[in-house]
Amino acid sequence: MAELVRQIRRENVRALFIEHINDPRLIEQIGRETGVRPVGALFSDALTDAGGPAPTYVAMMRTNTQAMVRAILGH
């Protein structure tokens, strides 16, 4: 964990993401220790229902890409 915190600082990481099906506490702790805030969830192993932001593989990839671009641009 300590090496991960050092690497985040060293590489000037600007955003942390939480996987939407995992417990966010570890990422939140890393955020507190590095000063980098978690900016949202990414989808990986599971899609959302039909009304959610990632009901298909293509929608999941689009949603994840948009979230990463917003984080890079600081929005």
Protein backbone atom coordinates (compact mmCIF):
# COMPACT_ATOMS: atom_id res chain seq x y z
CA MET A 1 0.00 0.00 0.00
CA ALA A 2 2.80 2.41 0.89
CA GLU A 3 4.51 1.79 -2.47
CA LEU A 4 1.23 2.44 -4.31
CA VAL A 5 0.81 5.76 -2.48
CA ARG A 6 4.39 6.73 -3.39
CA GLN A 7 3.82 5.75 -7.03
CA ILE A 8 0.61 7.79 -7.25
CA ARG A 9 2.47 10.83 -5.91
CA ARG A 10 5.55 10.23 -8.06
CA GLU A 11 3.56 9.84 -11.28
CA ASN A 12 1.28 12.79 -10.57
CA VAL A 13 -1.90 10.72 -10.82
CA ARG A 14 -4.84 13.12 -11.09
CA ALA A 15 -7.83 10.84 -10.55
CA LEU A 16 -8.79 7.58 -8.89
CA PHE A 17 -11.67 5.41 -10.02
CA ILE A 18 -13.74 2.88 -8.14
CA GLU A 19 -14.97 -0.26 -9.85
CA HIS A 20 -18.73 -0.01 -9.63
CA ILE A 21 -19.23 -3.43 -8.03
CA ASN A 22 -16.48 -3.18 -5.38
CA ASP A 23 -16.32 -1.66 -1.94
CA PRO A 24 -15.00 1.91 -2.34
CA ARG A 25 -13.26 2.14 1.06
CA LEU A 26 -9.76 1.18 -0.16
CA ILE A 27 -9.79 3.74 -2.98
CA GLU A 28 -11.16 6.35 -0.58
CA GLN A 29 -8.30 5.61 1.84
CA ILE A 30 -5.74 5.89 -0.96
CA GLY A 31 -7.36 9.18 -1.93
CA ARG A 32 -7.01 10.54 1.60
CA GLU A 33 -3.35 9.49 1.77
CA THR A 34 -2.41 10.92 -1.62
CA GLY A 35 -4.71 13.92 -1.85
CA VAL A 36 -6.10 12.52 -5.12
CA ARG A 37 -9.85 12.25 -5.04
CA PRO A 38 -11.88 9.36 -6.36
CA VAL A 39 -13.86 10.83 -9.25
CA GLY A 40 -16.29 8.08 -10.09
CA ALA A 41 -16.92 4.48 -10.97
CA LEU A 42 -15.79 2.47 -13.95
CA PHE A 43 -17.61 -0.60 -15.19
CA SER A 44 -15.65 -3.79 -15.80
CA ASP A 45 -17.11 -7.20 -15.04
CA ALA A 46 -20.80 -6.38 -14.87
CA LEU A 47 -23.19 -4.32 -16.93
CA THR A 48 -26.06 -2.27 -15.56
CA ASP A 49 -29.73 -2.93 -16.17
CA ALA A 50 -31.33 -1.56 -19.33
CA GLY A 51 -31.97 1.85 -17.75
CA GLY A 52 -28.42 2.30 -16.42
CA PRO A 53 -25.36 3.91 -17.99
CA ALA A 54 -23.78 0.62 -19.15
CA PRO A 55 -26.45 -1.85 -20.33
CA THR A 56 -24.29 -3.13 -23.23
CA TYR A 57 -20.58 -3.64 -23.83
CA VAL A 58 -20.43 -0.67 -26.22
CA ALA A 59 -22.28 1.58 -23.74
CA MET A 60 -19.94 0.41 -20.96
CA MET A 61 -16.86 1.31 -23.00
CA ARG A 62 -18.35 4.68 -23.96
CA THR A 63 -19.28 5.47 -20.35
CA ASN A 64 -15.83 4.48 -19.06
CA THR A 65 -14.06 6.49 -21.75
CA GLN A 66 -16.15 9.58 -21.04
CA ALA A 67 -15.43 9.28 -17.31
CA MET A 68 -11.68 9.00 -17.92
CA VAL A 69 -11.63 11.94 -20.33
CA ARG A 70 -13.55 14.13 -17.84
CA ALA A 71 -11.03 13.19 -15.14
CA ILE A 72 -8.03 13.96 -17.37
CA LEU A 73 -9.51 17.34 -18.30
CA GLY A 74 -10.40 18.10 -14.69
CA HIS A 75 -14.16 18.28 -15.19
